[in-house]
Amino acid sequence: MAEPRELIERIEREARVTDAPGERFSGYGVMGLPFASGHILGLRRFPASSIGPGYTSVWHRDPAGRWTFFQSAPPEQACTRYFGRDVAEAPVREVRIDWTGPRSMRVTIVGELDWQLSLASSAVTRLMNGMTAVMPDALWRNGAMLRAMGVFAGIALRAGRLGMAGTASNGQRFIANPLRIWLIPESRAVVRGVDLGPVGPAPEQAHLGDFWIPQRGILAIGRAFFERYDPARHAAAARTT
């Protein structure tokens, strides 16, 4: 079976979005990685986007609950288009991702972030990956099915609540399709000079709108679908700083 590095390198080469209504993204990312210190990190790497060029975003929440999204694209073309209402700072930065092994990677932002992580499979991730591989595409668009799947996955993975369908911070409805997943058993990260310490569940599970940050590190290959932005109904993207 192909290793994560091989699969993701293929995604980078063959990036494309699904033909569907709304705003669409395809790629991979760390759904969330909590640290025992109360810090949280996330990663979104979408080589393919229906609203602009592909981009990379690193999400960081400090123990006080303040979110910063470091993004390689302007806010209106990146994650703050959907979650900016809950984001205090959204600086545009170059984000570099380097694979250091078949199941290990390093994410860096000069002067801001140095993040190393390793991936692992388990009996549960192998079972879930086998199930998702044969799911009909129609079920991946069914909100009720995805909510039920999120409940099952959260319990099975010991990750708390998982939100695979709902409403984002800025008001758009969303659907997330994690097509393949791995756990993140080990990680070391320094953000703006602060060492985040060992991984571990956050004191209180965090969320952005209906998207809940897992209480256990998970990397997923997948797709995301969002309701088309309507300035009359949805909050604007966070400002760039």
Protein backbone atom coordinates (compact mmCIF):
# COMPACT_ATOMS: atom_id res chain seq x y z
CA MET A 1 0.00 0.00 0.00
CA ALA A 2 1.29 3.46 -0.90
CA GLU A 3 2.78 5.62 1.84
CA PRO A 4 1.31 9.06 2.67
CA ARG A 5 4.20 10.87 0.99
CA GLU A 6 3.64 9.04 -2.30
CA LEU A 7 -0.11 9.65 -2.27
CA ILE A 8 0.24 13.34 -1.46
CA GLU A 9 2.96 13.93 -4.05
CA ARG A 10 0.55 12.46 -6.60
CA ILE A 11 -2.15 14.87 -5.44
CA GLU A 12 0.25 17.78 -5.89
CA ARG A 13 0.97 16.67 -9.48
CA GLU A 14 -2.62 15.91 -10.47
CA ALA A 15 -4.51 18.58 -8.53
CA ARG A 16 -8.10 19.06 -9.64
CA VAL A 17 -11.44 19.92 -8.03
CA THR A 18 -14.63 17.89 -8.26
CA ASP A 19 -17.27 19.16 -10.67
CA ALA A 20 -20.04 20.19 -8.28
CA PRO A 21 -22.04 23.27 -7.22
CA GLY A 22 -20.57 25.81 -4.83
CA GLU A 23 -16.95 26.47 -3.90
CA ARG A 24 -14.68 23.44 -3.96
CA PHE A 25 -11.21 22.46 -2.74
CA SER A 26 -9.10 19.33 -3.04
CA GLY A 27 -5.93 18.38 -1.20
CA TYR A 28 -4.88 17.34 2.28
CA GLY A 29 -4.25 18.69 5.73
CA VAL A 30 -4.03 18.26 9.45
CA MET A 31 -7.64 18.44 10.62
CA GLY A 32 -6.27 19.48 13.97
CA LEU A 33 -3.44 18.70 16.36
CA PRO A 34 -3.91 19.64 20.02
CA PHE A 35 -1.05 20.08 22.46
CA ALA A 36 -1.30 19.48 26.19
CA SER A 37 -0.24 23.11 26.71
CA GLY A 38 -3.55 24.29 25.21
CA HIS A 39 -2.08 25.29 21.85
CA ILE A 40 -3.65 23.85 18.67
CA LEU A 41 -2.29 23.59 15.13
CA GLY A 42 -3.98 22.77 11.84
CA LEU A 43 -2.86 22.64 8.22
CA ARG A 44 -4.76 23.01 4.96
CA ARG A 45 -2.96 22.39 1.69
CA PHE A 46 -5.27 22.73 -1.30
CA PRO A 47 -3.35 22.48 -4.60
CA ALA A 48 -6.74 22.78 -6.37
CA SER A 49 -9.33 25.49 -5.66
CA SER A 50 -12.40 26.59 -7.61
CA ILE A 51 -12.08 30.22 -6.43
CA GLY A 52 -8.43 30.98 -7.18
CA PRO A 53 -4.94 29.49 -7.15
CA GLY A 54 -4.08 26.64 -4.81
CA TYR A 55 -2.90 27.70 -1.38
CA THR A 56 -1.58 26.56 2.00
CA SER A 57 -2.85 27.67 5.40
CA VAL A 58 -1.58 26.97 8.92
CA TRP A 59 -4.06 27.45 11.74
CA HIS A 60 -2.83 28.25 15.25
CA ARG A 61 -4.85 28.76 18.40
CA ASP A 62 -3.10 29.85 21.58
CA PRO A 63 -4.22 28.76 25.09
CA ALA A 64 -6.24 31.97 25.45
CA GLY A 65 -8.37 30.95 22.43
CA ARG A 66 -6.91 33.44 19.93
CA TRP A 67 -6.76 32.11 16.36
CA THR A 68 -4.14 33.07 13.76
CA PHE A 69 -4.33 31.79 10.18
CA PHE A 70 -1.03 32.02 8.28
CA GLN A 71 -2.00 31.80 4.60
CA SER A 72 -0.22 31.85 1.26
CA ALA A 73 -3.20 33.53 -0.45
CA PRO A 74 -5.28 36.65 0.28
CA PRO A 75 -8.04 36.19 2.90
CA GLU A 76 -10.85 36.21 0.33
CA GLN A 77 -9.25 33.24 -1.47
CA ALA A 78 -8.23 31.20 1.58
CA CYS A 79 -9.64 29.71 4.79
CA THR A 80 -10.63 33.09 6.27
CA ARG A 81 -13.28 33.33 3.52
CA TYR A 82 -15.21 30.85 5.67
CA PHE A 83 -13.79 31.09 9.21
CA GLY A 84 -12.53 34.69 9.42
CA ARG A 85 -15.16 35.79 11.94
CA ASP A 86 -13.32 33.72 14.58
CA VAL A 87 -9.79 34.69 13.47
CA ALA A 88 -7.86 37.49 15.16
CA GLU A 89 -4.98 37.65 12.68
CA ALA A 90 -4.53 36.43 9.08
CA PRO A 91 -1.04 37.28 7.79
CA VAL A 92 -0.14 36.29 4.25
CA ARG A 93 3.04 34.22 4.40
CA GLU A 94 4.92 31.67 2.33
CA VAL A 95 4.30 28.24 3.88
CA ARG A 96 6.78 25.49 3.04
CA ILE A 97 6.02 21.75 3.36
CA ASP A 98 8.92 19.29 3.13
CA TRP A 99 8.71 15.52 3.44
CA THR A 100 11.52 14.15 5.59
CA GLY A 101 10.44 10.51 5.18
CA PRO A 102 7.57 8.36 3.86
CA ARG A 103 5.51 9.27 6.95
CA SER A 104 7.14 12.40 8.31
CA MET A 105 6.96 16.04 7.26
CA ARG A 106 8.09 19.49 8.27
CA VAL A 107 6.09 22.70 7.87
CA THR A 108 7.94 26.02 8.10
CA ILE A 109 7.15 29.72 7.89
CA VAL A 110 10.25 31.87 8.13
CA GLY A 111 10.28 33.74 11.44
CA GLU A 112 6.92 32.30 12.53
CA LEU A 113 6.74 28.49 12.59
CA ASP A 114 8.82 25.31 12.67
CA TRP A 115 6.57 22.24 12.88
CA GLN A 116 7.63 18.61 12.56
CA LEU A 117 5.21 15.69 12.64
CA SER A 118 5.03 11.96 11.97
CA LEU A 119 2.11 9.85 10.74
CA ALA A 120 0.92 6.39 11.76
CA SER A 121 -1.83 3.93 10.91
CA SER A 122 -3.93 1.94 13.37
CA ALA A 123 -6.53 -0.81 13.14
CA VAL A 124 -9.22 1.89 13.27
CA THR A 125 -7.72 4.10 10.54
CA ARG A 126 -7.23 1.06 8.29
CA LEU A 127 -10.86 0.04 8.84
CA MET A 128 -12.14 3.55 8.14
CA ASN A 129 -9.96 3.95 5.04
CA GLY A 130 -11.33 0.67 3.72
CA MET A 131 -14.91 1.85 4.31
CA THR A 132 -14.44 5.27 2.73
CA ALA A 133 -12.78 3.74 -0.34
CA VAL A 134 -16.06 2.04 -1.32
CA MET A 135 -18.53 4.76 -0.28
CA PRO A 136 -20.70 5.98 -3.18
CA ASP A 137 -20.13 9.60 -4.10
CA ALA A 138 -23.75 10.46 -3.26
CA LEU A 139 -23.15 9.59 0.41
CA TRP A 140 -20.21 12.01 0.54
CA ARG A 141 -22.70 14.83 -0.21
CA ASN A 142 -25.35 13.70 2.28
CA GLY A 143 -25.23 15.93 5.36
CA ALA A 144 -27.12 13.51 7.63
CA MET A 145 -24.84 10.65 6.64
CA LEU A 146 -21.72 12.74 7.23
CA ARG A 147 -22.92 13.88 10.65
CA ALA A 148 -23.51 10.24 11.63
CA MET A 149 -20.12 9.31 10.22
CA GLY A 150 -18.54 12.09 12.28
CA VAL A 151 -20.07 10.71 15.48
CA PHE A 152 -18.79 7.20 14.72
CA ALA A 153 -15.31 8.42 13.75
CA GLY A 154 -15.00 10.64 16.81
CA ILE A 155 -15.76 7.75 19.14
CA ALA A 156 -13.68 5.18 17.25
CA LEU A 157 -10.65 7.46 17.02
CA ARG A 158 -11.06 8.86 20.55
CA ALA A 159 -11.00 12.32 19.00
CA GLY A 160 -14.07 13.94 20.55
CA ARG A 161 -16.66 15.61 18.34
CA LEU A 162 -15.96 15.72 14.60
CA GLY A 163 -17.87 18.08 12.32
CA MET A 164 -18.01 16.86 8.72
CA ALA A 165 -21.06 18.92 7.76
CA GLY A 166 -22.54 22.12 9.14
CA THR A 167 -22.06 25.87 9.06
CA ALA A 168 -18.71 27.67 9.02
CA SER A 169 -17.94 30.71 11.19
CA ASN A 170 -18.85 33.19 8.43
CA GLY A 171 -22.21 31.52 7.76
CA GLN A 172 -21.56 29.30 4.74
CA ARG A 173 -22.73 25.70 4.83
CA PHE A 174 -19.91 23.19 4.35
CA ILE A 175 -19.22 19.51 3.75
CA ALA A 176 -15.84 17.89 4.46
CA ASN A 177 -14.84 14.58 2.86
CA PRO A 178 -11.84 12.93 4.59
CA LEU A 179 -11.17 10.19 2.04
CA ARG A 180 -8.11 8.77 3.78
CA ILE A 181 -6.71 9.42 7.26
CA TRP A 182 -3.65 8.85 9.45
CA LEU A 183 -2.97 9.59 13.10
CA ILE A 184 -0.25 11.97 14.32
CA PRO A 185 1.33 10.30 17.36
CA GLU A 186 4.36 12.59 17.57
CA SER A 187 4.99 16.24 16.81
CA ARG A 188 7.20 19.12 17.83
CA ALA A 189 6.34 22.71 17.03
CA VAL A 190 7.64 26.19 17.77
CA VAL A 191 5.35 29.13 16.98
CA ARG A 192 6.80 32.65 17.21
CA GLY A 193 9.50 31.41 19.57
CA VAL A 194 7.17 29.40 21.82
CA ASP A 195 7.71 25.64 22.07
CA LEU A 196 4.23 24.09 22.16
CA GLY A 197 5.39 21.04 24.12
CA PRO A 198 4.01 17.48 23.87
CA VAL A 199 0.85 16.56 21.99
CA GLY A 200 -2.25 15.85 24.04
CA PRO A 201 -5.97 16.68 24.22
CA ALA A 202 -6.84 20.33 24.69
CA PRO A 203 -8.38 21.19 28.09
CA GLU A 204 -11.58 22.00 26.21
CA GLN A 205 -12.32 20.91 22.64
CA ALA A 206 -12.13 23.86 20.25
CA HIS A 207 -14.32 24.57 17.26
CA LEU A 208 -14.79 27.13 14.49
CA GLY A 209 -18.49 27.26 13.73
CA ASP A 210 -19.59 23.64 13.32
CA PHE A 211 -16.08 22.47 12.50
CA TRP A 212 -14.72 20.79 15.63
CA ILE A 213 -10.97 20.42 16.08
CA PRO A 214 -10.17 16.77 16.86
CA GLN A 215 -8.82 16.01 20.32
CA ARG A 216 -6.26 13.80 18.62
CA GLY A 217 -3.94 14.62 15.75
CA ILE A 218 -5.36 13.52 12.38
CA LEU A 219 -4.07 14.12 8.85
CA ALA A 220 -6.54 13.59 6.02
CA ILE A 221 -6.51 13.51 2.25
CA GLY A 222 -9.84 14.80 1.02
CA ARG A 223 -12.17 17.41 -0.39
CA ALA A 224 -14.16 20.33 0.97
CA PHE A 225 -17.33 21.92 -0.39
CA PHE A 226 -18.71 25.30 0.70
CA GLU A 227 -21.81 27.26 -0.09
CA ARG A 228 -21.07 30.02 -2.59
CA TYR A 229 -20.16 33.28 -0.85
CA ASP A 230 -23.02 35.80 -0.68
CA PRO A 231 -22.04 39.21 0.78
CA ALA A 232 -25.64 39.81 1.81
CA ARG A 233 -25.70 36.75 4.07
CA HIS A 234 -22.12 35.84 4.93
CA ALA A 235 -19.46 37.62 6.95
CA ALA A 236 -16.49 39.04 5.05
CA ALA A 237 -13.07 37.40 5.14
CA ALA A 238 -10.73 38.46 7.94
CA ARG A 239 -8.36 41.30 7.17
CA THR A 240 -4.74 40.66 6.26
CA THR A 241 -2.14 41.73 8.81
